[in-house]
């Protein structure tokens, strides 16, 4: 990288790095220009940025950060660009996210994309039981699945078990058509989707047929001891305290568990206490258990999702204050 007055030039090493950094149809460069108020020109292997001194200072930090991701083999997404720009403008240090967890079936590197996700990965590596709590779109389940597959491929566990409460949003399984598997499959679809993306359909089906991967409703866990297994409980905010205790006491030797949930989206009947909400109080000081709280800053879906989460959080906060004032 060279700097001259109101210009900074970055050297791109090869076409692969250029593609991973620029994005499809150079969409990342357009985002950077707009967000940083600079002019960016790519010519050959040189990426030249022109702008004011303050803008160039921010651009230098942001582009170096994104360039390091591209050089590590990770494709830079529009979310990565917006997250880096937002962090830099707020005066937050841009930390390296570390290496990828693994490469998915399509050859794409999977790894943390925000500081919150990086902390989540670290907690999973260091603890036998981790609670990942945060809003939709923060990658709670997807990262947990990627970590489970990585552990399985390293032979750290013998199987992967994914589970979630089978009854949500007030629907009862008895009213749905089909046998029990057909009844619960719609509720388990997000877990299947994550596994498909990480493993690919063919490998996923092979592992399922061999019993190396199990996807089942939470009720199926009762009475079992899950040894040498990587167990993920998804949508844990919809467990009762009794269900949560039942699940947590299933852990056997050489097992690891990740519990994910969003305490702002509890679908339990009114007056029923969430097992996840209770567990984070009861277990917060127990050694070997990690708690990671993700926020709207960690949302990796469409940029509108992050704005929607913040809007609902503000509304809930106002409603809580109004309710408190009434009493």
Protein backbone atom coordinates (compact mmCIF):
# COMPACT_ATOMS: atom_id res chain seq x y z
CA UNK A 1 0.00 0.00 0.00
CA UNK A 2 1.26 3.49 -0.89
CA UNK A 3 -0.02 6.92 0.20
CA UNK A 4 0.31 10.25 -1.60
CA UNK A 5 -1.51 13.36 -0.39
CA UNK A 6 -5.18 12.70 -1.05
CA UNK A 7 -4.64 9.25 -2.53
CA UNK A 8 -3.97 5.76 -1.20
CA UNK A 9 -3.12 2.82 -3.45
CA UNK A 10 -3.59 -0.81 -2.46
CA UNK A 11 -1.95 -3.66 -4.39
CA UNK A 12 -4.16 -6.61 -5.30
CA UNK A 13 -2.17 -9.85 -5.48
CA UNK A 14 -4.23 -11.86 -7.97
CA UNK A 15 -7.59 -12.17 -9.74
CA UNK A 16 -9.02 -14.43 -7.03
CA UNK A 17 -8.27 -11.87 -4.35
CA UNK A 18 -9.75 -9.15 -6.56
CA UNK A 19 -12.99 -11.10 -7.04
CA UNK A 20 -13.35 -11.85 -3.32
CA UNK A 21 -12.79 -8.19 -2.41
CA UNK A 22 -14.73 -6.42 -5.17
CA UNK A 23 -17.83 -8.63 -5.06
CA UNK A 24 -20.23 -9.34 -7.91
CA UNK A 25 -20.18 -6.56 -10.51
CA UNK A 26 -17.91 -4.55 -8.17
CA UNK A 27 -20.82 -4.03 -5.75
CA UNK A 28 -18.46 -3.78 -2.74
CA UNK A 29 -16.50 -0.96 -4.36
CA UNK A 30 -19.71 0.96 -5.02
CA UNK A 31 -20.75 0.48 -1.40
CA UNK A 32 -17.36 1.69 -0.16
CA UNK A 33 -17.45 4.78 -2.35
CA UNK A 34 -20.91 5.72 -1.15
CA UNK A 35 -20.36 4.96 2.53
CA UNK A 36 -16.89 6.54 2.81
CA UNK A 37 -17.41 9.48 0.44
CA UNK A 38 -14.33 8.59 -1.63
CA UNK A 39 -13.54 7.75 -5.25
CA UNK A 40 -12.18 4.26 -5.96
CA UNK A 41 -10.50 3.27 -9.23
CA UNK A 42 -9.27 -0.24 -10.02
CA UNK A 43 -6.62 -0.45 -12.70
CA UNK A 44 -4.63 -3.64 -13.20
CA UNK A 45 -3.51 -4.78 -9.75
CA UNK A 46 -3.79 -1.29 -8.24
CA UNK A 47 -6.79 -0.08 -6.24
CA UNK A 48 -6.56 3.69 -5.86
CA UNK A 49 -8.70 5.59 -3.35
CA UNK A 50 -9.04 9.38 -3.56
CA UNK A 51 -10.66 11.65 -0.98
CA UNK A 52 -10.21 13.98 1.98
CA UNK A 53 -7.68 13.21 4.71
CA UNK A 54 -10.31 12.13 7.26
CA UNK A 55 -12.16 9.99 4.72
CA UNK A 56 -8.89 8.38 3.57
CA UNK A 57 -7.99 7.51 7.14
CA UNK A 58 -11.25 5.62 7.54
CA UNK A 59 -10.93 4.06 4.07
CA UNK A 60 -7.41 2.83 4.86
CA UNK A 61 -8.59 0.99 7.99
CA UNK A 62 -11.69 -0.46 6.31
CA UNK A 63 -10.05 -1.62 3.08
CA UNK A 64 -7.04 -3.14 4.86
CA UNK A 65 -9.46 -5.08 7.06
CA UNK A 66 -11.50 -6.32 4.08
CA UNK A 67 -8.37 -7.07 2.07
CA UNK A 68 -7.11 -9.33 4.87
CA UNK A 69 -10.40 -11.26 4.70
CA UNK A 70 -10.02 -11.67 0.93
CA UNK A 71 -6.41 -12.83 1.32
CA UNK A 72 -7.55 -15.43 3.84
CA UNK A 73 -9.75 -16.91 1.10
CA UNK A 74 -13.04 -15.49 2.39
CA UNK A 75 -15.40 -13.74 0.00
CA UNK A 76 -16.21 -10.23 1.23
CA UNK A 77 -19.97 -9.64 1.33
CA UNK A 78 -21.90 -6.35 1.31
CA UNK A 79 -22.64 -7.05 4.99
CA UNK A 80 -18.88 -7.23 5.69
CA UNK A 81 -18.45 -3.85 4.02
CA UNK A 82 -21.27 -2.18 5.95
CA UNK A 83 -20.13 -3.72 9.24
CA UNK A 84 -16.52 -2.58 8.77
CA UNK A 85 -17.55 0.95 7.76
CA UNK A 86 -19.98 1.27 10.67
CA UNK A 87 -17.39 0.02 13.17
CA UNK A 88 -14.67 2.33 11.85
CA UNK A 89 -16.94 5.40 11.89
CA UNK A 90 -17.96 4.61 15.49
CA UNK A 91 -14.30 4.52 16.47
CA UNK A 92 -14.23 0.77 17.13
CA UNK A 93 -11.14 -1.24 16.30
CA UNK A 94 -11.50 -3.56 13.32
CA UNK A 95 -10.41 -6.94 14.64
CA UNK A 96 -9.39 -9.80 12.44
CA UNK A 97 -12.06 -12.50 12.56
CA UNK A 98 -9.60 -15.38 12.60
CA UNK A 99 -9.49 -18.31 10.21
CA UNK A 100 -12.49 -20.04 8.74
CA UNK A 101 -14.29 -22.83 10.60
CA UNK A 102 -14.47 -25.02 7.51
CA UNK A 103 -15.26 -24.91 3.79
CA UNK A 104 -18.81 -25.76 2.75
CA UNK A 105 -19.94 -28.05 -0.06
CA UNK A 106 -19.73 -25.21 -2.61
CA UNK A 107 -16.16 -24.36 -1.65
CA UNK A 108 -17.08 -21.23 0.36
CA UNK A 109 -15.16 -20.59 3.57
CA UNK A 110 -17.42 -20.35 6.62
CA UNK A 111 -16.24 -18.25 9.54
CA UNK A 112 -17.25 -15.45 11.90
CA UNK A 113 -18.16 -12.17 10.20
CA UNK A 114 -18.64 -9.92 13.24
CA UNK A 115 -16.96 -9.42 16.61
CA UNK A 116 -19.96 -11.03 18.30
CA UNK A 117 -19.72 -14.11 16.09
CA UNK A 118 -15.98 -14.29 16.75
CA UNK A 119 -16.68 -14.34 20.50
CA UNK A 120 -19.35 -17.00 19.92
CA UNK A 121 -16.87 -19.26 18.08
CA UNK A 122 -14.26 -18.73 20.82
CA UNK A 123 -16.79 -19.63 23.54
CA UNK A 124 -17.81 -22.83 21.72
CA UNK A 125 -14.18 -23.89 21.44
CA UNK A 126 -13.48 -23.25 25.11
CA UNK A 127 -16.63 -24.56 26.81
CA UNK A 128 -18.52 -27.85 26.92
CA UNK A 129 -21.85 -25.99 26.98
CA UNK A 130 -22.55 -22.65 25.32
CA UNK A 131 -25.68 -20.50 25.13
CA UNK A 132 -25.88 -18.29 22.03
CA UNK A 133 -28.61 -15.71 22.61
CA UNK A 134 -29.61 -13.02 20.14
CA UNK A 135 -32.08 -11.86 17.47
CA UNK A 136 -32.87 -13.55 14.18
CA UNK A 137 -30.21 -13.37 11.49
CA UNK A 138 -27.16 -13.30 13.76
CA UNK A 139 -25.93 -16.72 12.65
CA UNK A 140 -26.52 -18.48 15.98
CA UNK A 141 -27.69 -21.76 14.48
CA UNK A 142 -25.58 -21.67 11.30
CA UNK A 143 -22.30 -21.16 13.17
CA UNK A 144 -23.22 -23.84 15.69
CA UNK A 145 -23.89 -26.28 12.83
CA UNK A 146 -20.58 -25.37 11.14
CA UNK A 147 -18.70 -25.90 14.42
CA UNK A 148 -20.45 -29.26 14.90
CA UNK A 149 -19.53 -30.46 11.40
CA UNK A 150 -15.92 -29.29 11.88
CA UNK A 151 -15.70 -31.22 15.18
CA UNK A 152 -17.20 -34.31 13.54
CA UNK A 153 -14.73 -34.19 10.64
CA UNK A 154 -11.86 -33.92 13.14
CA UNK A 155 -13.28 -37.02 14.89
CA UNK A 156 -13.76 -35.06 18.13
CA UNK A 157 -17.32 -36.47 18.29
CA UNK A 158 -19.00 -39.52 16.76
CA UNK A 159 -22.30 -37.93 15.76
CA UNK A 160 -24.27 -34.70 15.50
CA UNK A 161 -27.72 -34.24 17.03
CA UNK A 162 -29.88 -31.22 16.26
CA UNK A 163 -33.14 -30.62 18.07
CA UNK A 164 -35.72 -27.93 18.74
CA UNK A 165 -39.16 -27.69 20.36
CA UNK A 166 -41.62 -29.16 17.85
CA UNK A 167 -44.60 -26.99 18.74
CA UNK A 168 -44.33 -23.27 18.00
CA UNK A 169 -46.68 -20.35 17.42
CA UNK A 170 -49.56 -22.21 19.08
CA UNK A 171 -49.80 -25.02 16.48
CA UNK A 172 -50.48 -28.56 17.70
CA UNK A 173 -48.94 -31.51 15.90
CA UNK A 174 -52.08 -33.58 16.17
CA UNK A 175 -53.91 -31.28 13.78
CA UNK A 176 -51.26 -31.59 11.08
CA UNK A 177 -51.45 -34.26 8.33
CA UNK A 178 -49.05 -37.19 7.96
CA UNK A 179 -47.02 -39.45 10.25
CA UNK A 180 -44.92 -38.09 13.12
CA UNK A 181 -41.87 -37.39 10.90
CA UNK A 182 -44.00 -35.51 8.36
CA UNK A 183 -45.62 -33.57 11.19
CA UNK A 184 -42.35 -32.37 12.75
CA UNK A 185 -40.32 -31.79 9.56
CA UNK A 186 -41.67 -28.24 8.96
CA UNK A 187 -40.47 -27.23 12.43
CA UNK A 188 -37.05 -28.77 11.82
CA UNK A 189 -36.59 -27.27 8.32
CA UNK A 190 -34.18 -24.47 9.43
CA UNK A 191 -31.86 -27.13 10.86
CA UNK A 192 -32.00 -29.14 7.64
CA UNK A 193 -31.27 -25.98 5.63
CA UNK A 194 -28.15 -25.23 7.66
CA UNK A 195 -26.89 -28.80 7.27
CA UNK A 196 -27.60 -28.80 3.50
CA UNK A 197 -25.57 -25.61 3.07
CA UNK A 198 -22.59 -26.81 5.12
CA UNK A 199 -22.44 -30.44 3.96
CA UNK A 200 -24.25 -30.55 0.64
CA UNK A 201 -27.29 -32.74 0.04
CA UNK A 202 -25.45 -35.94 -0.90
CA UNK A 203 -23.15 -35.96 2.14
CA UNK A 204 -26.01 -34.96 4.43
CA UNK A 205 -28.16 -37.88 3.22
CA UNK A 206 -25.25 -40.32 3.59
CA UNK A 207 -24.63 -39.23 7.19
CA UNK A 208 -28.35 -39.40 8.00
CA UNK A 209 -28.65 -42.94 6.62
CA UNK A 210 -25.69 -44.05 8.74
CA UNK A 211 -27.16 -42.46 11.86
CA UNK A 212 -24.24 -40.03 12.15
CA UNK A 213 -26.61 -37.05 12.04
CA UNK A 214 -29.94 -36.94 13.80
CA UNK A 215 -32.51 -34.16 13.50
CA UNK A 216 -35.42 -34.62 15.89
CA UNK A 217 -37.91 -32.77 18.08
CA UNK A 218 -36.88 -32.10 21.67
CA UNK A 219 -39.35 -34.63 23.08
CA UNK A 220 -37.25 -37.40 21.50
CA UNK A 221 -34.32 -36.54 23.82
CA UNK A 222 -36.09 -37.65 27.01
CA UNK A 223 -34.53 -40.67 28.71
CA UNK A 224 -31.40 -40.68 26.54
CA UNK A 225 -27.72 -40.19 27.40
CA UNK A 226 -25.93 -38.45 24.55
CA UNK A 227 -22.28 -39.56 24.63
CA UNK A 228 -19.54 -38.47 22.22
CA UNK A 229 -22.08 -36.24 20.50
CA UNK A 230 -22.29 -32.63 19.38
CA UNK A 231 -25.79 -31.55 20.38
CA UNK A 232 -27.51 -28.34 19.27
CA UNK A 233 -30.77 -27.14 20.81
CA UNK A 234 -32.31 -24.48 18.57
CA UNK A 235 -35.17 -22.07 19.39
CA UNK A 236 -34.53 -22.75 23.07
CA UNK A 237 -36.64 -19.76 24.16
CA UNK A 238 -39.65 -22.01 23.49
CA UNK A 239 -38.63 -24.65 26.01
CA UNK A 240 -40.22 -24.81 29.44
CA UNK A 241 -37.90 -24.91 32.48
CA UNK A 242 -38.60 -28.65 32.76
CA UNK A 243 -37.69 -29.26 29.11
CA UNK A 244 -34.49 -27.22 29.42
CA UNK A 245 -33.37 -29.15 32.51
CA UNK A 246 -34.21 -32.41 30.75
CA UNK A 247 -32.10 -31.45 27.73
CA UNK A 248 -29.10 -30.19 29.71
CA UNK A 249 -28.96 -33.37 31.78
CA UNK A 250 -28.76 -35.54 28.63
CA UNK A 251 -25.08 -34.66 28.11
CA UNK A 252 -22.82 -37.69 28.33
CA UNK A 253 -19.06 -38.16 28.30
CA UNK A 254 -17.06 -36.44 25.53
CA UNK A 255 -20.09 -34.42 24.41
CA UNK A 256 -20.55 -30.76 23.62
CA UNK A 257 -23.79 -28.79 23.55
CA UNK A 258 -24.80 -25.45 22.04
CA UNK A 259 -28.12 -23.87 22.98
CA UNK A 260 -29.46 -21.07 20.76
CA UNK A 261 -32.43 -18.81 21.15
CA UNK A 262 -33.97 -15.36 21.03
CA UNK A 263 -35.62 -14.30 24.29
CA UNK A 264 -37.58 -11.60 22.46
CA UNK A 265 -39.49 -14.21 20.41
CA UNK A 266 -41.02 -16.53 23.00
CA UNK A 267 -44.05 -18.43 21.65
CA UNK A 268 -44.96 -20.24 24.88
CA UNK A 269 -48.47 -19.87 26.31
CA UNK A 270 -48.97 -16.74 28.38
CA UNK A 271 -47.79 -17.26 31.93
CA UNK A 272 -45.30 -20.01 31.01
CA UNK A 273 -41.71 -19.18 31.94
CA UNK A 274 -39.06 -19.74 29.28
CA UNK A 275 -36.49 -22.39 30.08
CA UNK A 276 -33.84 -20.35 28.28
CA UNK A 277 -34.62 -17.24 30.31
CA UNK A 278 -34.39 -19.25 33.52
CA UNK A 279 -31.21 -21.09 32.53
CA UNK A 280 -29.27 -17.89 31.87
CA UNK A 281 -29.96 -16.85 35.47
CA UNK A 282 -29.34 -20.20 37.13
CA UNK A 283 -26.22 -21.18 35.16
CA UNK A 284 -24.47 -17.86 34.52
CA UNK A 285 -21.69 -18.48 37.08
CA UNK A 286 -21.16 -22.21 36.47
CA UNK A 287 -17.60 -22.98 35.21
CA UNK A 288 -17.47 -24.66 31.81
CA UNK A 289 -20.64 -22.92 30.60
CA UNK A 290 -20.36 -19.94 28.25
CA UNK A 291 -22.96 -17.27 27.47
CA UNK A 292 -22.67 -15.12 24.35
CA UNK A 293 -25.17 -12.35 23.62
CA UNK A 294 -25.42 -11.28 19.98
CA UNK A 295 -27.13 -8.06 18.90
CA UNK A 296 -28.40 -6.24 15.82
CA UNK A 297 -24.74 -5.45 15.03
CA UNK A 298 -24.23 -9.16 14.33
CA UNK A 299 -27.15 -9.58 11.90
CA UNK A 300 -25.78 -11.00 8.64
CA UNK A 301 -28.97 -11.05 6.58
CA UNK A 302 -30.34 -8.18 4.49
CA UNK A 303 -29.37 -4.81 5.97
CA UNK A 304 -33.06 -4.11 6.62
CA UNK A 305 -33.18 -6.98 9.14
CA UNK A 306 -30.77 -5.14 11.42
CA UNK A 307 -32.88 -1.99 11.19
CA UNK A 308 -36.06 -3.97 11.89
CA UNK A 309 -34.50 -5.56 14.99
CA UNK A 310 -33.46 -2.15 16.33
CA UNK A 311 -36.92 -0.70 15.65
CA UNK A 312 -38.64 -3.51 17.55
CA UNK A 313 -36.14 -3.19 20.42
CA UNK A 314 -36.95 0.53 20.73
CA UNK A 315 -40.69 -0.22 20.63
CA UNK A 316 -40.38 -2.91 23.32
CA UNK A 317 -38.33 -0.58 25.50
CA UNK A 318 -40.95 2.18 25.21
CA UNK A 319 -43.79 -0.27 25.94
CA UNK A 320 -41.94 -1.54 29.02
CA UNK A 321 -41.44 2.02 30.31
CA UNK A 322 -45.13 2.83 29.77
CA UNK A 323 -46.17 -0.35 31.60
CA UNK A 324 -43.82 0.49 34.47
CA UNK A 325 -45.24 4.02 34.76
CA UNK A 326 -48.79 2.62 35.03
CA UNK A 327 -47.79 0.70 38.11
